[in-house]
């Protein structure tokens, strides 16, 4: 008798999705976390905080560095140090994350939204100059994608008017303008270590104080308005309330993870640049043929490969390519939506002129996967999927 068996169906091949972002594990994080957990000090400003601040100081041009729980906290700390309040205005881009504006508004000051340039998507300096009034106290500038804004013109404009310049350098660690690190041009600069950033502690940030006259006060405001840091250095026998302040310290657990990341900074950057460079080179023929604008990096700017974006020909193509890439298990996303036309921006801010470039690029910009863990086959998949897309006629 012949016995027939049913053939099992062929296994369906499962293709792992290409993640848009992912934190890179250096291999040292658990070791340093174990050191903290085995120690009696888990709160902030311990040995790992000091190590991380020293490593950052080396990369940021020598300003004093103060770790914070997030870049948002660092921006708020800068606003406190500027004594912003009701009646004050601060010029900032409409094309940015909400924290740039909320740090101003939370003090009762008014964010004044201006447009960006169509090439780098950074602040249009002429628009900034037009927006200045007798109530302007500062300019908050973002280095979008880690590509330097026109910081020399902005610095000159602010100096001529007696204004503070604050660099929101959330994207820019490792970037430079004419050899000078981003984060070293402003009165203050802020950094982000959110897990979407090149180096991360999950959440986290830092305030960089480049004006020596403001460093002592920054230390007090960061430590709940007290002179506790001086007490810990043995400079006073007791500490007490000195000034405005809040709790702007991250724990040693966060700092330990950040140290591991900063120690591997060059490796992380090399991995990210390999991905960025492939996108720039291999997508160029397709982009030129289909009216797609690639990232622009001006001469003199060194970018940190924080992100890679495409400006699609139309809003329909933004949605179209995101959907198309999704069908190929490739994650791609849009970015900032205009703050000037948002409910919060209309209620809490002021917009002297329509931010038409911001509205246009927000509707067309698409970011591609970029992180240090991307493999060569994954980048191959992204390039293949992108170049298979045909824009809407």
Protein backbone atom coordinates (compact mmCIF):
# COMPACT_ATOMS: atom_id res chain seq x y z
CA UNK A 1 0.00 0.00 0.00
CA UNK A 2 1.29 3.42 -0.95
CA UNK A 3 1.15 6.00 1.80
CA UNK A 4 0.84 9.57 0.62
CA UNK A 5 1.84 12.46 2.82
CA UNK A 6 0.78 16.04 2.41
CA UNK A 7 3.67 18.37 1.67
CA UNK A 8 3.97 21.16 4.20
CA UNK A 9 3.49 24.61 2.71
CA UNK A 10 6.66 26.53 2.04
CA UNK A 11 7.59 28.82 4.89
CA UNK A 12 6.80 32.45 4.25
CA UNK A 13 9.95 34.49 4.25
CA UNK A 14 9.67 37.22 6.87
CA UNK A 15 11.57 40.39 6.02
CA UNK A 16 12.54 42.43 9.04
CA UNK A 17 11.51 46.06 8.70
CA UNK A 18 14.20 48.69 8.23
CA UNK A 19 13.78 50.89 11.27
CA UNK A 20 13.84 54.65 10.85
CA UNK A 21 15.96 55.09 13.97
CA UNK A 22 17.43 52.95 16.75
CA UNK A 23 19.89 53.65 19.56
CA UNK A 24 23.34 52.19 18.97
CA UNK A 25 24.68 49.89 21.70
CA UNK A 26 28.40 50.34 22.21
CA UNK A 27 28.86 47.40 24.61
CA UNK A 28 29.89 49.57 27.55
CA UNK A 29 26.46 50.76 28.72
CA UNK A 30 25.71 47.81 31.01
CA UNK A 31 29.16 47.88 32.57
CA UNK A 32 28.87 51.56 33.49
CA UNK A 33 25.28 51.16 34.67
CA UNK A 34 26.42 48.32 36.94
CA UNK A 35 29.03 50.66 38.44
CA UNK A 36 26.32 53.16 39.32
CA UNK A 37 23.96 50.54 40.72
CA UNK A 38 26.77 49.15 42.90
CA UNK A 39 27.62 52.61 44.21
CA UNK A 40 25.88 54.64 46.93
CA UNK A 41 25.27 57.54 44.51
CA UNK A 42 22.51 57.27 41.93
CA UNK A 43 21.49 60.93 41.83
CA UNK A 44 23.11 63.55 39.61
CA UNK A 45 26.48 65.26 39.42
CA UNK A 46 28.60 62.23 40.23
CA UNK A 47 31.65 60.88 38.48
CA UNK A 48 29.80 59.88 35.29
CA UNK A 49 28.18 63.31 34.99
CA UNK A 50 31.59 64.95 35.32
CA UNK A 51 33.08 62.57 32.75
CA UNK A 52 30.30 63.17 30.24
CA UNK A 53 30.55 66.95 30.67
CA UNK A 54 34.32 66.83 30.12
CA UNK A 55 33.94 64.74 26.95
CA UNK A 56 31.33 67.17 25.64
CA UNK A 57 33.45 70.19 26.51
CA UNK A 58 36.23 68.82 24.30
CA UNK A 59 33.85 68.52 21.34
CA UNK A 60 32.03 71.81 21.85
CA UNK A 61 34.84 74.32 21.98
CA UNK A 62 35.46 74.69 25.70
CA UNK A 63 32.28 76.29 27.05
CA UNK A 64 31.06 75.06 30.42
CA UNK A 65 28.72 72.07 29.98
CA UNK A 66 25.87 71.21 32.34
CA UNK A 67 23.95 67.97 31.80
CA UNK A 68 20.16 68.25 31.98
CA UNK A 69 17.31 65.71 31.83
CA UNK A 70 16.48 66.80 28.24
CA UNK A 71 17.22 69.41 25.60
CA UNK A 72 13.84 70.95 26.49
CA UNK A 73 15.09 71.49 30.04
CA UNK A 74 18.30 73.02 28.67
CA UNK A 75 16.31 75.48 26.55
CA UNK A 76 14.13 76.39 29.55
CA UNK A 77 17.26 76.87 31.65
CA UNK A 78 18.66 79.24 29.01
CA UNK A 79 15.40 81.21 29.09
CA UNK A 80 15.64 81.55 32.88
CA UNK A 81 19.24 82.73 32.62
CA UNK A 82 18.17 85.36 30.06
CA UNK A 83 15.49 86.57 32.53
CA UNK A 84 12.85 86.36 29.81
CA UNK A 85 9.39 87.49 30.85
CA UNK A 86 6.14 89.09 29.72
CA UNK A 87 6.67 91.79 27.11
CA UNK A 88 9.89 90.22 25.80
CA UNK A 89 10.19 88.73 22.31
CA UNK A 90 12.50 86.03 21.02
CA UNK A 91 12.93 85.34 17.30
CA UNK A 92 12.99 81.67 16.33
CA UNK A 93 12.24 79.53 13.28
CA UNK A 94 8.75 78.25 12.58
CA UNK A 95 10.39 75.10 11.22
CA UNK A 96 11.56 73.51 14.47
CA UNK A 97 10.44 71.26 17.29
CA UNK A 98 7.97 72.73 19.74
CA UNK A 99 10.50 72.93 22.60
CA UNK A 100 12.33 75.80 20.90
CA UNK A 101 9.17 77.90 21.24
CA UNK A 102 7.70 76.50 24.48
CA UNK A 103 10.90 77.37 26.37
CA UNK A 104 10.20 81.00 25.44
CA UNK A 105 6.45 80.93 26.02
CA UNK A 106 6.67 79.21 29.41
CA UNK A 107 8.45 82.32 30.71
CA UNK A 108 5.63 84.55 29.47
CA UNK A 109 7.72 85.88 26.58
CA UNK A 110 6.56 85.79 22.95
CA UNK A 111 8.16 83.56 20.32
CA UNK A 112 8.35 85.48 17.04
CA UNK A 113 8.29 83.03 14.14
CA UNK A 114 10.28 83.66 11.00
CA UNK A 115 10.88 81.64 7.86
CA UNK A 116 13.78 79.45 6.80
CA UNK A 117 15.93 79.35 3.68
CA UNK A 118 14.78 76.96 0.95
CA UNK A 119 18.24 75.37 0.57
CA UNK A 120 19.42 74.47 4.10
CA UNK A 121 16.05 74.92 5.89
CA UNK A 122 17.87 77.10 8.43
CA UNK A 123 16.86 80.57 9.65
CA UNK A 124 16.65 83.24 6.97
CA UNK A 125 18.85 85.97 8.46
CA UNK A 126 17.14 88.72 6.48
CA UNK A 127 13.80 87.59 7.90
CA UNK A 128 15.31 87.66 11.38
CA UNK A 129 16.53 91.23 10.89
CA UNK A 130 13.08 92.32 9.69
CA UNK A 131 11.41 90.76 12.76
CA UNK A 132 13.49 92.58 15.38
CA UNK A 133 11.75 95.19 17.55
CA UNK A 134 12.60 97.15 20.66
CA UNK A 135 11.18 94.22 22.65
CA UNK A 136 13.47 91.58 21.12
CA UNK A 137 15.79 90.00 23.70
CA UNK A 138 17.29 87.05 21.87
CA UNK A 139 17.41 84.89 18.77
CA UNK A 140 17.06 81.10 19.02
CA UNK A 141 18.68 79.41 16.01
CA UNK A 142 18.41 75.73 15.00
CA UNK A 143 21.07 73.96 12.94
CA UNK A 144 18.65 71.79 10.99
CA UNK A 145 19.99 68.30 10.36
CA UNK A 146 23.26 69.42 11.93
CA UNK A 147 24.00 71.68 8.94
CA UNK A 148 25.23 75.05 10.16
CA UNK A 149 22.92 78.03 10.00
CA UNK A 150 24.47 81.34 8.96
CA UNK A 151 25.87 81.79 12.45
CA UNK A 152 28.43 84.44 11.56
CA UNK A 153 25.77 86.83 10.22
CA UNK A 154 23.44 85.97 13.10
CA UNK A 155 26.19 86.58 15.65
CA UNK A 156 27.02 89.93 14.07
CA UNK A 157 23.34 90.91 13.98
CA UNK A 158 22.84 89.99 17.63
CA UNK A 159 26.02 91.75 18.75
CA UNK A 160 25.01 94.93 16.95
CA UNK A 161 21.63 94.94 18.73
CA UNK A 162 22.82 93.70 22.12
CA UNK A 163 20.87 90.42 21.80
CA UNK A 164 21.66 86.96 23.08
CA UNK A 165 22.10 84.17 20.52
CA UNK A 166 20.99 80.71 21.65
CA UNK A 167 21.93 77.71 19.51
CA UNK A 168 19.39 74.89 19.63
CA UNK A 169 22.06 72.36 18.69
CA UNK A 170 19.92 69.26 19.20
CA UNK A 171 20.96 67.97 15.74
CA UNK A 172 24.44 69.40 15.62
CA UNK A 173 26.86 67.59 17.94
CA UNK A 174 29.90 66.88 15.76
CA UNK A 175 28.94 69.53 13.21
CA UNK A 176 31.08 72.58 12.48
CA UNK A 177 31.21 75.81 10.52
CA UNK A 178 34.60 76.65 9.01
CA UNK A 179 36.25 74.33 11.51
CA UNK A 180 34.52 75.76 14.59
CA UNK A 181 32.14 73.44 16.45
CA UNK A 182 28.42 74.12 16.32
CA UNK A 183 27.38 74.95 19.85
CA UNK A 184 30.29 77.37 20.35
CA UNK A 185 28.86 80.46 18.60
CA UNK A 186 25.99 81.41 20.90
CA UNK A 187 25.73 82.90 24.36
CA UNK A 188 24.22 79.49 25.14
CA UNK A 189 23.80 76.26 23.22
CA UNK A 190 21.65 73.26 23.99
CA UNK A 191 22.20 69.59 23.18
CA UNK A 192 19.86 66.61 22.98
CA UNK A 193 20.56 62.99 23.89
CA UNK A 194 17.10 61.65 23.12
CA UNK A 195 17.33 58.16 21.63
CA UNK A 196 16.72 59.54 18.13
CA UNK A 197 20.02 61.44 18.36
CA UNK A 198 23.51 60.34 17.31
CA UNK A 199 24.54 59.67 20.90
CA UNK A 200 21.89 59.00 23.50
CA UNK A 201 21.02 58.35 27.11
CA UNK A 202 17.41 57.57 26.27
CA UNK A 203 16.36 61.04 27.35
CA UNK A 204 18.88 63.71 28.19
CA UNK A 205 20.37 67.05 27.25
CA UNK A 206 22.96 69.65 28.12
CA UNK A 207 23.27 73.40 28.41
CA UNK A 208 26.52 74.88 27.06
CA UNK A 209 27.42 78.25 28.56
CA UNK A 210 29.88 80.11 26.34
CA UNK A 211 29.74 83.42 28.21
CA UNK A 212 32.03 83.09 31.26
CA UNK A 213 30.06 85.80 33.10
CA UNK A 214 26.97 83.54 33.15
CA UNK A 215 28.54 80.27 34.24
CA UNK A 216 28.26 80.73 38.01
CA UNK A 217 24.59 81.67 37.80
CA UNK A 218 23.89 78.74 35.45
CA UNK A 219 25.27 76.40 38.09
CA UNK A 220 22.94 77.88 40.72
CA UNK A 221 19.77 77.89 38.61
CA UNK A 222 20.42 74.29 37.51
CA UNK A 223 20.74 73.18 41.17
CA UNK A 224 17.27 74.30 42.28
CA UNK A 225 18.45 77.87 42.84
CA UNK A 226 21.03 76.89 45.45
CA UNK A 227 24.81 77.09 45.75
CA UNK A 228 25.02 73.36 46.42
CA UNK A 229 27.73 72.91 43.78
CA UNK A 230 29.98 75.32 45.65
CA UNK A 231 29.26 73.40 48.85
CA UNK A 232 30.26 70.10 47.22
CA UNK A 233 33.55 71.71 46.11
CA UNK A 234 34.20 72.87 49.68
CA UNK A 235 33.87 76.56 48.83
CA UNK A 236 31.10 77.22 51.40
CA UNK A 237 30.28 75.40 54.65
CA UNK A 238 26.53 75.22 53.93
CA UNK A 239 24.38 75.74 50.87
CA UNK A 240 21.17 77.74 50.63
CA UNK A 241 18.70 79.35 48.23
CA UNK A 242 20.34 81.97 46.04
CA UNK A 243 18.24 82.55 42.89
CA UNK A 244 15.47 81.23 40.69
CA UNK A 245 15.93 77.59 39.77
CA UNK A 246 14.55 74.12 39.33
CA UNK A 247 15.73 70.51 39.26
CA UNK A 248 17.72 70.29 36.05
CA UNK A 249 19.99 67.35 36.94
CA UNK A 250 19.84 63.95 35.25
CA UNK A 251 20.65 60.88 37.32
CA UNK A 252 23.98 59.10 37.26
CA UNK A 253 22.23 56.23 35.46
CA UNK A 254 21.55 58.49 32.47
CA UNK A 255 25.04 59.95 32.65
CA UNK A 256 26.65 56.50 32.65
CA UNK A 257 24.87 55.53 29.43
CA UNK A 258 25.90 58.84 27.88
CA UNK A 259 29.55 58.28 28.80
CA UNK A 260 29.51 54.94 27.00
CA UNK A 261 28.05 56.63 23.93
CA UNK A 262 30.46 59.57 23.95
CA UNK A 263 33.45 57.26 24.29
CA UNK A 264 32.32 55.62 21.03
CA UNK A 265 31.47 58.90 19.30
CA UNK A 266 33.93 58.52 16.42
CA UNK A 267 32.77 54.96 15.68
CA UNK A 268 29.11 56.01 15.77
CA UNK A 269 29.79 58.95 13.48
CA UNK A 270 31.73 56.87 10.97
CA UNK A 271 28.85 54.40 10.74
CA UNK A 272 26.29 57.16 10.24
CA UNK A 273 28.38 58.96 7.63
CA UNK A 274 28.68 55.77 5.58
CA UNK A 275 24.88 55.62 5.36
CA UNK A 276 24.51 59.36 4.64
CA UNK A 277 27.18 59.26 1.93
CA UNK A 278 25.53 56.32 0.19
CA UNK A 279 22.16 58.09 0.10
CA UNK A 280 23.74 61.27 -1.26
CA UNK A 281 25.59 59.45 -4.04
CA UNK A 282 23.24 56.62 -4.99
CA UNK A 283 19.99 58.60 -4.93
CA UNK A 284 21.38 61.50 -6.96
CA UNK A 285 20.51 60.22 -10.48
CA UNK A 286 16.95 59.28 -9.44
CA UNK A 287 16.47 62.63 -7.64
CA UNK A 288 17.70 64.64 -10.62
CA UNK A 289 15.44 62.71 -13.00
CA UNK A 290 12.30 63.21 -10.89
CA UNK A 291 12.57 66.72 -9.47
CA UNK A 292 13.49 65.62 -5.96
CA UNK A 293 15.75 67.91 -3.90
CA UNK A 294 18.45 66.23 -1.82
CA UNK A 295 20.02 67.68 1.31
CA UNK A 296 22.20 70.74 0.77
CA UNK A 297 25.44 71.14 2.74
CA UNK A 298 27.09 74.51 2.00
CA UNK A 299 30.84 74.87 1.55
CA UNK A 300 32.41 75.39 4.97
CA UNK A 301 29.82 73.29 6.78
CA UNK A 302 30.69 69.91 8.30
CA UNK A 303 27.53 67.97 9.10
CA UNK A 304 27.25 65.15 11.68
CA UNK A 305 25.05 62.81 9.57
CA UNK A 306 22.18 63.34 11.96
CA UNK A 307 19.46 62.89 9.35
CA UNK A 308 18.95 62.54 5.61
CA UNK A 309 15.93 64.04 3.93
CA UNK A 310 14.40 64.37 0.50
CA UNK A 311 12.17 67.22 -0.63
CA UNK A 312 9.58 65.59 -2.85
CA UNK A 313 8.00 67.47 -5.77
CA UNK A 314 4.59 67.72 -4.08
CA UNK A 315 2.65 67.05 -0.90
CA UNK A 316 1.04 64.10 -2.64
CA UNK A 317 4.51 62.65 -3.18
CA UNK A 318 5.36 63.03 0.51
CA UNK A 319 2.44 60.77 1.36
CA UNK A 320 3.04 58.64 -1.70
CA UNK A 321 6.65 57.73 -1.03
CA UNK A 322 6.06 57.17 2.70
CA UNK A 323 3.29 54.71 1.80
CA UNK A 324 5.39 53.11 -0.95
CA UNK A 325 8.36 52.59 1.37
CA UNK A 326 6.05 51.18 4.02
CA UNK A 327 4.92 48.47 1.60
CA UNK A 328 8.60 47.54 1.31
CA UNK A 329 8.99 47.42 5.11
CA UNK A 330 11.10 50.59 5.08
CA UNK A 331 10.17 53.22 7.64
CA UNK A 332 10.29 56.83 6.46
CA UNK A 333 8.69 59.86 8.11
CA UNK A 334 7.85 63.54 7.67
CA UNK A 335 9.24 66.15 10.06
CA UNK A 336 8.34 69.45 11.72
CA UNK A 337 4.99 71.06 11.09
CA UNK A 338 4.88 74.89 11.00
CA UNK A 339 4.72 76.38 14.48
CA UNK A 340 3.42 79.73 13.25
CA UNK A 341 0.14 78.21 12.04
CA UNK A 342 -0.25 75.71 14.89
CA UNK A 343 -2.89 76.34 17.58
CA UNK A 344 -0.20 77.03 20.17
CA UNK A 345 1.78 79.25 17.84
CA UNK A 346 -1.24 81.35 16.93
CA UNK A 347 -2.19 81.78 20.58
CA UNK A 348 1.24 82.29 22.16
CA UNK A 349 3.42 83.60 19.34
CA UNK A 350 3.66 86.29 16.71
CA UNK A 351 4.41 85.94 12.99
CA UNK A 352 5.42 89.19 11.25
CA UNK A 353 5.35 87.67 7.75
CA UNK A 354 3.90 84.41 6.41
CA UNK A 355 6.38 81.53 6.68
CA UNK A 356 5.77 80.26 3.16
CA UNK A 357 8.97 78.23 2.81
CA UNK A 358 8.25 76.46 6.10
CA UNK A 359 4.72 75.56 4.98
CA UNK A 360 6.03 74.28 1.66
CA UNK A 361 8.88 72.11 2.95
CA UNK A 362 6.80 70.70 5.83
CA UNK A 363 4.37 69.33 3.24
CA UNK A 364 7.08 67.78 1.03
CA UNK A 365 9.95 66.64 3.28
CA UNK A 366 10.61 62.94 3.91
CA UNK A 367 13.32 61.56 6.19
CA UNK A 368 14.97 58.22 5.41
CA UNK A 369 16.24 55.65 7.92
CA UNK A 370 19.57 56.70 9.40
CA UNK A 371 21.24 55.22 12.44
CA UNK A 372 24.57 53.63 13.31
CA UNK A 373 23.14 50.12 13.34
CA UNK A 374 21.99 50.08 9.71
CA UNK A 375 23.57 47.23 7.77
CA UNK A 376 24.76 47.33 4.17
CA UNK A 377 21.86 45.10 2.99
CA UNK A 378 19.39 47.38 4.79
CA UNK A 379 20.79 50.46 3.07
CA UNK A 380 20.60 48.52 -0.23
CA UNK A 381 16.90 47.95 0.45
CA UNK A 382 16.28 51.63 1.21
CA UNK A 383 18.02 52.79 -1.96
CA UNK A 384 16.24 50.20 -4.08
CA UNK A 385 12.84 51.08 -2.61
CA UNK A 386 13.32 54.83 -2.98
CA UNK A 387 14.50 54.65 -6.58
CA UNK A 388 11.56 52.43 -7.50
CA UNK A 389 9.15 55.25 -6.59
CA UNK A 390 7.79 57.44 -9.36
CA UNK A 391 6.47 60.87 -8.34
CA UNK A 392 2.93 61.87 -9.16
CA UNK A 393 2.79 63.42 -12.64
